[in-house]
């Protein structure tokens, strides 16, 4: 099941105060970047983020879910309606995100 553009638009609106958020469509899903670093994505209309210590600290009870079969588990963001929380989450994750791989 692919993710809908409406859900993507909602998440991007929630994150709109963060100027460096970009998105890339990939096989019916959406990869989310902050300052060129992948922090999560939208998979089957679920916001999943990388499992880094900052995300665990802010969402200690977050369930692990697979974005797709064969992938590493990610953390499900359940409270996507809390705009301030989503922005805080991305800001907190920034220092822990791996740098983009150079080609």
C-alpha atoms as a PDB file:
ATOM      1  CA  UNK A   1       0.000   0.000   0.000  1.00  0.00           C
ATOM      2  CA  UNK A   2       1.481   3.339  -1.026  1.00  0.00           C
ATOM      3  CA  UNK A   3       1.304   6.494   1.039  1.00  0.00           C
ATOM      4  CA  UNK A   4      -1.062   9.276   0.093  1.00  0.00           C
ATOM      5  CA  UNK A   5      -0.045  12.783  -0.919  1.00  0.00           C
ATOM      6  CA  UNK A   6      -2.533  14.210   1.595  1.00  0.00           C
ATOM      7  CA  UNK A   7      -0.733  12.550   4.508  1.00  0.00           C
ATOM      8  CA  UNK A   8       2.634  13.763   3.188  1.00  0.00           C
ATOM      9  CA  UNK A   9       1.289  17.310   2.878  1.00  0.00           C
ATOM     10  CA  UNK A  10      -0.029  17.141   6.456  1.00  0.00           C
ATOM     11  CA  UNK A  11       3.351  16.022   7.846  1.00  0.00           C
ATOM     12  CA  UNK A  12       5.221  18.639   5.815  1.00  0.00           C
ATOM     13  CA  UNK A  13       2.850  21.310   7.121  1.00  0.00           C
ATOM     14  CA  UNK A  14       3.514  20.148  10.689  1.00  0.00           C
ATOM     15  CA  UNK A  15       7.254  20.500  10.025  1.00  0.00           C
ATOM     16  CA  UNK A  16       7.001  23.713   7.978  1.00  0.00           C
ATOM     17  CA  UNK A  17       8.767  25.952  10.553  1.00  0.00           C
ATOM     18  CA  UNK A  18      11.915  23.868   9.966  1.00  0.00           C
ATOM     19  CA  UNK A  19      13.374  25.380   6.774  1.00  0.00           C
ATOM     20  CA  UNK A  20      15.622  22.499   5.728  1.00  0.00           C
ATOM     21  CA  UNK A  21      13.085  19.663   5.434  1.00  0.00           C
ATOM     22  CA  UNK A  22      12.989  18.038   2.013  1.00  0.00           C
ATOM     23  CA  UNK A  23      11.247  14.985   0.646  1.00  0.00           C
ATOM     24  CA  UNK A  24      11.989  12.434  -2.033  1.00  0.00           C
ATOM     25  CA  UNK A  25       9.402  10.068  -3.473  1.00  0.00           C
ATOM     26  CA  UNK A  26      10.561   6.477  -3.675  1.00  0.00           C
ATOM     27  CA  UNK A  27       8.435   3.565  -4.857  1.00  0.00           C
ATOM     28  CA  UNK A  28       5.133   4.994  -3.613  1.00  0.00           C
ATOM     29  CA  UNK A  29       6.573   6.123  -0.281  1.00  0.00           C
ATOM     30  CA  UNK A  30       8.381   9.279   0.848  1.00  0.00           C
ATOM     31  CA  UNK A  31      11.847   9.680   2.372  1.00  0.00           C
ATOM     32  CA  UNK A  32      12.219  12.700   4.684  1.00  0.00           C
ATOM     33  CA  UNK A  33      15.459  14.660   5.000  1.00  0.00           C
ATOM     34  CA  UNK A  34      16.627  17.361   7.382  1.00  0.00           C
ATOM     35  CA  UNK A  35      19.631  19.310   6.118  1.00  0.00           C
ATOM     36  CA  UNK A  36      20.317  16.549   3.615  1.00  0.00           C
ATOM     37  CA  UNK A  37      20.255  13.766   6.218  1.00  0.00           C
ATOM     38  CA  UNK A  38      17.569  11.101   6.277  1.00  0.00           C
ATOM     39  CA  UNK A  39      15.612  11.227   9.526  1.00  0.00           C
ATOM     40  CA  UNK A  40      12.598   9.175   8.559  1.00  0.00           C
ATOM     41  CA  UNK A  41       9.907   8.610   6.044  1.00  0.00           C
ATOM     42  CA  UNK A  42       6.263   8.079   5.338  1.00  0.00           C
ATOM     43  CA  UNK A  43       5.421   4.438   4.754  1.00  0.00           C
ATOM     44  CA  UNK A  44       1.831   3.238   4.343  1.00  0.00           C
ATOM     45  CA  UNK A  45       0.617   6.564   5.751  1.00  0.00           C
ATOM     46  CA  UNK A  46       2.733   6.162   8.908  1.00  0.00           C
ATOM     47  CA  UNK A  47       5.475   8.532   9.994  1.00  0.00           C
ATOM     48  CA  UNK A  48       8.507   6.439  10.921  1.00  0.00           C
ATOM     49  CA  UNK A  49      11.800   7.868  12.149  1.00  0.00           C
ATOM     50  CA  UNK A  50      15.277   6.435  12.552  1.00  0.00           C
ATOM     51  CA  UNK A  51      15.910   4.635  15.817  1.00  0.00           C
ATOM     52  CA  UNK A  52      18.460   7.013  17.360  1.00  0.00           C
ATOM     53  CA  UNK A  53      18.937   7.797  21.071  1.00  0.00           C
ATOM     54  CA  UNK A  54      17.207  11.207  20.853  1.00  0.00           C
ATOM     55  CA  UNK A  55      14.092   9.649  19.307  1.00  0.00           C
ATOM     56  CA  UNK A  56      14.078   6.926  21.978  1.00  0.00           C
ATOM     57  CA  UNK A  57      14.442   9.552  24.705  1.00  0.00           C
ATOM     58  CA  UNK A  58      11.504  11.607  23.400  1.00  0.00           C
ATOM     59  CA  UNK A  59       9.351   8.572  22.560  1.00  0.00           C
ATOM     60  CA  UNK A  60      10.339   5.854  25.061  1.00  0.00           C
ATOM     61  CA  UNK A  61       7.194   3.812  24.390  1.00  0.00           C
ATOM     62  CA  UNK A  62       7.270   4.140  20.592  1.00  0.00           C
ATOM     63  CA  UNK A  63       6.674   0.842  18.830  1.00  0.00           C
ATOM     64  CA  UNK A  64       9.226  -0.418  16.340  1.00  0.00           C
ATOM     65  CA  UNK A  65       7.794  -1.011  12.894  1.00  0.00           C
ATOM     66  CA  UNK A  66       9.215  -2.080   9.570  1.00  0.00           C
ATOM     67  CA  UNK A  67       8.885   0.468   6.783  1.00  0.00           C
ATOM     68  CA  UNK A  68       8.913  -2.420   4.301  1.00  0.00           C
ATOM     69  CA  UNK A  69       9.874  -6.065   4.362  1.00  0.00           C
ATOM     70  CA  UNK A  70      13.588  -6.608   4.817  1.00  0.00           C
ATOM     71  CA  UNK A  71      14.262  -3.120   6.214  1.00  0.00           C
ATOM     72  CA  UNK A  72      15.619  -2.158   9.612  1.00  0.00           C
ATOM     73  CA  UNK A  73      12.947  -1.356  12.198  1.00  0.00           C
ATOM     74  CA  UNK A  74      12.092   2.290  12.699  1.00  0.00           C
ATOM     75  CA  UNK A  75      10.127   4.085  15.397  1.00  0.00           C
ATOM     76  CA  UNK A  76       6.479   4.923  14.797  1.00  0.00           C
ATOM     77  CA  UNK A  77       5.557   8.519  15.610  1.00  0.00           C
ATOM     78  CA  UNK A  78       2.067   8.214  17.000  1.00  0.00           C
ATOM     79  CA  UNK A  79       1.374  11.845  17.937  1.00  0.00           C
ATOM     80  CA  UNK A  80       1.659  13.474  14.523  1.00  0.00           C
ATOM     81  CA  UNK A  81      -0.955  16.069  15.497  1.00  0.00           C
ATOM     82  CA  UNK A  82       1.462  17.742  17.947  1.00  0.00           C
ATOM     83  CA  UNK A  83       3.313  20.155  15.683  1.00  0.00           C
ATOM     84  CA  UNK A  84       5.713  21.387  18.391  1.00  0.00           C
ATOM     85  CA  UNK A  85       6.624  17.836  19.372  1.00  0.00           C
ATOM     86  CA  UNK A  86       7.408  16.838  15.772  1.00  0.00           C
ATOM     87  CA  UNK A  87       9.660  19.850  15.343  1.00  0.00           C
ATOM     88  CA  UNK A  88      11.403  19.156  18.668  1.00  0.00           C
ATOM     89  CA  UNK A  89      11.895  15.526  17.621  1.00  0.00           C
ATOM     90  CA  UNK A  90      13.619  16.447  14.358  1.00  0.00           C
ATOM     91  CA  UNK A  91      15.795  19.079  16.053  1.00  0.00           C
ATOM     92  CA  UNK A  92      16.851  16.604  18.754  1.00  0.00           C
ATOM     93  CA  UNK A  93      17.708  13.943  16.166  1.00  0.00           C
ATOM     94  CA  UNK A  94      19.929  16.244  14.059  1.00  0.00           C
ATOM     95  CA  UNK A  95      23.249  15.629  15.813  1.00  0.00           C
ATOM     96  CA  UNK A  96      22.713  11.859  15.743  1.00  0.00           C
ATOM     97  CA  UNK A  97      21.868  11.455  12.065  1.00  0.00           C
ATOM     98  CA  UNK A  98      24.539   9.967   9.824  1.00  0.00           C
ATOM     99  CA  UNK A  99      26.044  12.195   7.175  1.00  0.00           C
ATOM    100  CA  UNK A 100      24.943  11.507   3.612  1.00  0.00           C
ATOM    101  CA  UNK A 101      27.121   9.030   1.760  1.00  0.00           C
ATOM    102  CA  UNK A 102      29.252  10.582  -0.924  1.00  0.00           C
ATOM    103  CA  UNK A 103      29.200   8.970  -4.317  1.00  0.00           C
END
